Amino acid sequence: MSAIINQSTDNTYIGNLKSTVPTANGVFVTPNYGTQSATPVVDATAGDKAGLLMVYNQNTHIDQELVGDADFVVPANKFLRLKPFLPSNAFTTDQINGDISTFNENAIVAVGAGGKLEAVGSRTPAMTFVVKEKTTLYGKPALKVQVVTV
């Protein structure tokens, strides 16, 4: 359960929000600046909104070093390292809804249930991505995507 940022025009992260539940890297969250927290996107309706951020924590604590990067999860009530994206940024994530075979190159995807990427269908999400490649990440099926709209 992870992600890799492949291309970024800046090194900006938001680091003042805490997780409300255990949260995997590569999952998109809905920030709540009033409570200083972030929760994984619940469903496609929430995934259609603007301002979503991707969890991109680093596995740096001694007790977490025994956990492989592919299985690293940020515990509840811990600070998240959150990445806002700009159009043309690219990243790879294994956080997808559905089987990898249902995704095609150049297809448009968006954030859906659980904060994971899924097919857009008839939705009109604020944040969309184009699938650049089907690949693997830490041995798991993954998508390399590029941000189209934010």
C-alpha atoms as a PDB file:
ATOM      1  CA  MET A   1       0.000   0.000   0.000  1.00  0.00           C
ATOM      2  CA  SER A   2       2.102   2.786  -1.249  1.00  0.00           C
ATOM      3  CA  ALA A   3       2.818   5.483  -3.774  1.00  0.00           C
ATOM      4  CA  ILE A   4       5.750   7.108  -5.533  1.00  0.00           C
ATOM      5  CA  ILE A   5       5.686  10.664  -6.844  1.00  0.00           C
ATOM      6  CA  ASN A   6       7.265  10.499 -10.296  1.00  0.00           C
ATOM      7  CA  GLN A   7       7.204  14.138 -11.275  1.00  0.00           C
ATOM      8  CA  SER A   8       6.614  17.240  -9.254  1.00  0.00           C
ATOM      9  CA  THR A   9       7.228  20.896  -9.873  1.00  0.00           C
ATOM     10  CA  ASP A  10       7.664  21.622  -6.175  1.00  0.00           C
ATOM     11  CA  ASN A  11       8.482  19.959  -2.892  1.00  0.00           C
ATOM     12  CA  THR A  12       5.462  21.294  -0.999  1.00  0.00           C
ATOM     13  CA  TYR A  13       3.719  19.124   1.574  1.00  0.00           C
ATOM     14  CA  ILE A  14       1.059  19.832   4.171  1.00  0.00           C
ATOM     15  CA  GLY A  15       2.128  18.387   7.506  1.00  0.00           C
ATOM     16  CA  ASN A  16      -0.172  19.810  10.156  1.00  0.00           C
ATOM     17  CA  LEU A  17      -3.158  17.429   9.837  1.00  0.00           C
ATOM     18  CA  LYS A  18      -3.540  14.184  11.795  1.00  0.00           C
ATOM     19  CA  SER A  19      -5.063  10.964  10.525  1.00  0.00           C
ATOM     20  CA  THR A  20      -8.467  10.036  11.914  1.00  0.00           C
ATOM     21  CA  VAL A  21      -7.994   6.328  11.080  1.00  0.00           C
ATOM     22  CA  PRO A  22      -5.016   4.157  10.025  1.00  0.00           C
ATOM     23  CA  THR A  23      -4.193   5.445   6.531  1.00  0.00           C
ATOM     24  CA  ALA A  24      -2.050   3.925   3.770  1.00  0.00           C
ATOM     25  CA  ASN A  25       0.299   5.856   1.518  1.00  0.00           C
ATOM     26  CA  GLY A  26      -1.245   6.675  -1.850  1.00  0.00           C
ATOM     27  CA  VAL A  27      -4.741   7.179  -0.450  1.00  0.00           C
ATOM     28  CA  PHE A  28      -6.489  10.519  -1.005  1.00  0.00           C
ATOM     29  CA  VAL A  29      -7.943  12.250   2.023  1.00  0.00           C
ATOM     30  CA  THR A  30     -10.411  15.009   2.722  1.00  0.00           C
ATOM     31  CA  PRO A  31      -8.743  17.656   4.892  1.00  0.00           C
ATOM     32  CA  ASN A  32     -10.579  19.302   7.781  1.00  0.00           C
ATOM     33  CA  TYR A  33      -8.568  22.374   8.717  1.00  0.00           C
ATOM     34  CA  GLY A  34     -10.973  23.233  11.545  1.00  0.00           C
ATOM     35  CA  THR A  35     -10.215  20.026  13.449  1.00  0.00           C
ATOM     36  CA  GLN A  36      -6.669  19.734  12.055  1.00  0.00           C
ATOM     37  CA  SER A  37      -7.424  16.241  10.734  1.00  0.00           C
ATOM     38  CA  ALA A  38      -7.785  14.301   7.505  1.00  0.00           C
ATOM     39  CA  THR A  39      -9.941  11.286   6.668  1.00  0.00           C
ATOM     40  CA  PRO A  40      -9.727   8.981   3.632  1.00  0.00           C
ATOM     41  CA  VAL A  41     -12.267   9.949   0.975  1.00  0.00           C
ATOM     42  CA  VAL A  42     -15.459   8.057   1.795  1.00  0.00           C
ATOM     43  CA  ASP A  43     -17.074   7.592  -1.615  1.00  0.00           C
ATOM     44  CA  ALA A  44     -17.194   8.862  -5.200  1.00  0.00           C
ATOM     45  CA  THR A  45     -19.328  11.874  -4.242  1.00  0.00           C
ATOM     46  CA  ALA A  46     -16.654  13.035  -1.789  1.00  0.00           C
ATOM     47  CA  GLY A  47     -14.008  12.140  -4.401  1.00  0.00           C
ATOM     48  CA  ASP A  48     -15.580  14.577  -6.855  1.00  0.00           C
ATOM     49  CA  LYS A  49     -14.710  17.584  -4.687  1.00  0.00           C
ATOM     50  CA  ALA A  50     -11.678  19.846  -5.046  1.00  0.00           C
ATOM     51  CA  GLY A  51      -8.931  20.157  -2.454  1.00  0.00           C
ATOM     52  CA  LEU A  52      -8.187  16.459  -1.938  1.00  0.00           C
ATOM     53  CA  LEU A  53      -4.664  15.561  -0.822  1.00  0.00           C
ATOM     54  CA  MET A  54      -2.621  12.363  -1.208  1.00  0.00           C
ATOM     55  CA  VAL A  55      -0.934  10.711   1.787  1.00  0.00           C
ATOM     56  CA  TYR A  56       2.809  10.441   1.190  1.00  0.00           C
ATOM     57  CA  ASN A  57       4.361   9.680   4.584  1.00  0.00           C
ATOM     58  CA  GLN A  58       7.870   8.311   4.939  1.00  0.00           C
ATOM     59  CA  ASN A  59       8.679   5.151   6.850  1.00  0.00           C
ATOM     60  CA  THR A  60      11.261   6.720   9.195  1.00  0.00           C
ATOM     61  CA  HIS A  61      10.517   5.685  12.772  1.00  0.00           C
ATOM     62  CA  ILE A  62      12.585   2.887  14.285  1.00  0.00           C
ATOM     63  CA  ASP A  63       9.532   0.832  15.226  1.00  0.00           C
ATOM     64  CA  GLN A  64       8.206   1.270  11.673  1.00  0.00           C
ATOM     65  CA  GLU A  65      11.454   0.266   9.931  1.00  0.00           C
ATOM     66  CA  LEU A  66      10.569  -3.381  10.473  1.00  0.00           C
ATOM     67  CA  VAL A  67       7.507  -2.829   8.287  1.00  0.00           C
ATOM     68  CA  GLY A  68       8.105  -3.028   4.544  1.00  0.00           C
ATOM     69  CA  ASP A  69       7.306   0.092   2.510  1.00  0.00           C
ATOM     70  CA  ALA A  70       4.541  -1.802   0.696  1.00  0.00           C
ATOM     71  CA  ASP A  71       2.741  -2.486   3.994  1.00  0.00           C
ATOM     72  CA  PHE A  72       3.422   0.808   5.790  1.00  0.00           C
ATOM     73  CA  VAL A  73       0.298   2.461   7.227  1.00  0.00           C
ATOM     74  CA  VAL A  74       0.144   5.720   9.201  1.00  0.00           C
ATOM     75  CA  PRO A  75      -1.559   4.987  12.551  1.00  0.00           C
ATOM     76  CA  ALA A  76      -4.625   6.945  13.635  1.00  0.00           C
ATOM     77  CA  ASN A  77      -3.977  10.300  15.332  1.00  0.00           C
ATOM     78  CA  LYS A  78      -0.528  10.719  13.765  1.00  0.00           C
ATOM     79  CA  PHE A  79       0.579  13.563  11.514  1.00  0.00           C
ATOM     80  CA  LEU A  80       0.194  12.954   7.798  1.00  0.00           C
ATOM     81  CA  ARG A  81       2.535  14.191   5.090  1.00  0.00           C
ATOM     82  CA  LEU A  82       0.046  15.314   2.457  1.00  0.00           C
ATOM     83  CA  LYS A  83       0.771  16.182  -1.145  1.00  0.00           C
ATOM     84  CA  PRO A  84      -1.291  18.695  -3.123  1.00  0.00           C
ATOM     85  CA  PHE A  85      -0.973  18.268  -6.884  1.00  0.00           C
ATOM     86  CA  LEU A  86      -0.764  20.586  -9.868  1.00  0.00           C
ATOM     87  CA  PRO A  87      -1.786  19.721 -13.444  1.00  0.00           C
ATOM     88  CA  SER A  88       0.905  17.617 -15.181  1.00  0.00           C
ATOM     89  CA  ASN A  89       2.298  16.159 -11.902  1.00  0.00           C
ATOM     90  CA  ALA A  90       2.687  12.390 -12.093  1.00  0.00           C
ATOM     91  CA  PHE A  91       2.696   9.626  -9.501  1.00  0.00           C
ATOM     92  CA  THR A  92       2.381   5.861  -9.200  1.00  0.00           C
ATOM     93  CA  THR A  93       0.046   4.204  -6.707  1.00  0.00           C
ATOM     94  CA  ASP A  94      -1.259   0.746  -5.911  1.00  0.00           C
ATOM     95  CA  GLN A  95      -4.328   2.275  -4.261  1.00  0.00           C
ATOM     96  CA  ILE A  96      -6.969   1.426  -6.874  1.00  0.00           C
ATOM     97  CA  ASN A  97     -10.565   0.217  -6.745  1.00  0.00           C
ATOM     98  CA  GLY A  98     -11.140  -2.799  -8.953  1.00  0.00           C
ATOM     99  CA  ASP A  99      -8.913  -5.130 -10.864  1.00  0.00           C
ATOM    100  CA  ILE A 100      -5.911  -3.661 -12.695  1.00  0.00           C
ATOM    101  CA  SER A 101      -7.166  -5.267 -15.940  1.00  0.00           C
ATOM    102  CA  THR A 102     -10.190  -2.919 -15.951  1.00  0.00           C
ATOM    103  CA  PHE A 103      -7.935   0.127 -16.409  1.00  0.00           C
ATOM    104  CA  ASN A 104      -6.653   1.195 -19.835  1.00  0.00           C
ATOM    105  CA  GLU A 105      -3.846   3.520 -20.837  1.00  0.00           C
ATOM    106  CA  ASN A 106      -5.095   7.063 -21.592  1.00  0.00           C
ATOM    107  CA  ALA A 107      -8.303   6.441 -19.616  1.00  0.00           C
ATOM    108  CA  ILE A 108      -9.452   9.138 -17.212  1.00  0.00           C
ATOM    109  CA  VAL A 109      -9.685   8.135 -13.536  1.00  0.00           C
ATOM    110  CA  ALA A 110     -10.641   9.953 -10.345  1.00  0.00           C
ATOM    111  CA  VAL A 111     -10.672   9.474  -6.594  1.00  0.00           C
ATOM    112  CA  GLY A 112     -13.388   7.128  -5.354  1.00  0.00           C
ATOM    113  CA  ALA A 113     -14.339   5.063  -2.328  1.00  0.00           C
ATOM    114  CA  GLY A 114     -11.592   4.658   0.247  1.00  0.00           C
ATOM    115  CA  GLY A 115      -9.577   7.443  -1.368  1.00  0.00           C
ATOM    116  CA  LYS A 116      -8.454   5.081  -4.139  1.00  0.00           C
ATOM    117  CA  LEU A 117      -8.387   5.690  -7.899  1.00  0.00           C
ATOM    118  CA  GLU A 118     -11.256   4.344 -10.006  1.00  0.00           C
ATOM    119  CA  ALA A 119     -12.902   4.820 -13.415  1.00  0.00           C
ATOM    120  CA  VAL A 120     -14.763   8.104 -13.772  1.00  0.00           C
ATOM    121  CA  GLY A 121     -17.874   6.813 -15.544  1.00  0.00           C
ATOM    122  CA  SER A 122     -20.513   9.550 -15.792  1.00  0.00           C
ATOM    123  CA  ARG A 123     -19.121  11.588 -12.882  1.00  0.00           C
ATOM    124  CA  THR A 124     -17.696  15.102 -13.193  1.00  0.00           C
ATOM    125  CA  PRO A 125     -14.927  15.190 -10.561  1.00  0.00           C
ATOM    126  CA  ALA A 126     -12.884  18.297  -9.877  1.00  0.00           C
ATOM    127  CA  MET A 127      -9.653  16.264  -9.784  1.00  0.00           C
ATOM    128  CA  THR A 128      -8.918  13.879 -12.668  1.00  0.00           C
ATOM    129  CA  PHE A 129      -5.944  11.820 -13.789  1.00  0.00           C
ATOM    130  CA  VAL A 130      -4.964  10.129 -17.035  1.00  0.00           C
ATOM    131  CA  VAL A 131      -3.537   6.604 -16.878  1.00  0.00           C
ATOM    132  CA  LYS A 132      -0.051   6.663 -18.410  1.00  0.00           C
ATOM    133  CA  GLU A 133       0.936   3.082 -17.636  1.00  0.00           C
ATOM    134  CA  LYS A 134      -0.117  -0.069 -15.835  1.00  0.00           C
ATOM    135  CA  THR A 135       2.834  -1.192 -13.741  1.00  0.00           C
ATOM    136  CA  THR A 136       3.768  -2.708 -10.385  1.00  0.00           C
ATOM    137  CA  LEU A 137       4.798  -1.069  -7.138  1.00  0.00           C
ATOM    138  CA  TYR A 138       6.521  -3.220  -4.529  1.00  0.00           C
ATOM    139  CA  GLY A 139       5.228  -6.262  -6.428  1.00  0.00           C
ATOM    140  CA  LYS A 140       1.590  -5.113  -6.443  1.00  0.00           C
ATOM    141  CA  PRO A 141      -0.462  -3.956  -9.466  1.00  0.00           C
ATOM    142  CA  ALA A 142      -0.286  -0.180  -9.770  1.00  0.00           C
ATOM    143  CA  LEU A 143      -1.115   2.741 -12.039  1.00  0.00           C
ATOM    144  CA  LYS A 144       1.198   5.511 -13.127  1.00  0.00           C
ATOM    145  CA  VAL A 145      -1.030   8.543 -13.650  1.00  0.00           C
ATOM    146  CA  GLN A 146      -0.672  12.194 -14.572  1.00  0.00           C
ATOM    147  CA  VAL A 147      -2.834  14.939 -13.102  1.00  0.00           C
ATOM    148  CA  VAL A 148      -5.198  16.498 -15.645  1.00  0.00           C
ATOM    149  CA  THR A 149      -7.364  18.771 -13.488  1.00  0.00           C
ATOM    150  CA  VAL A 150      -7.298  19.751  -9.802  1.00  0.00           C
END
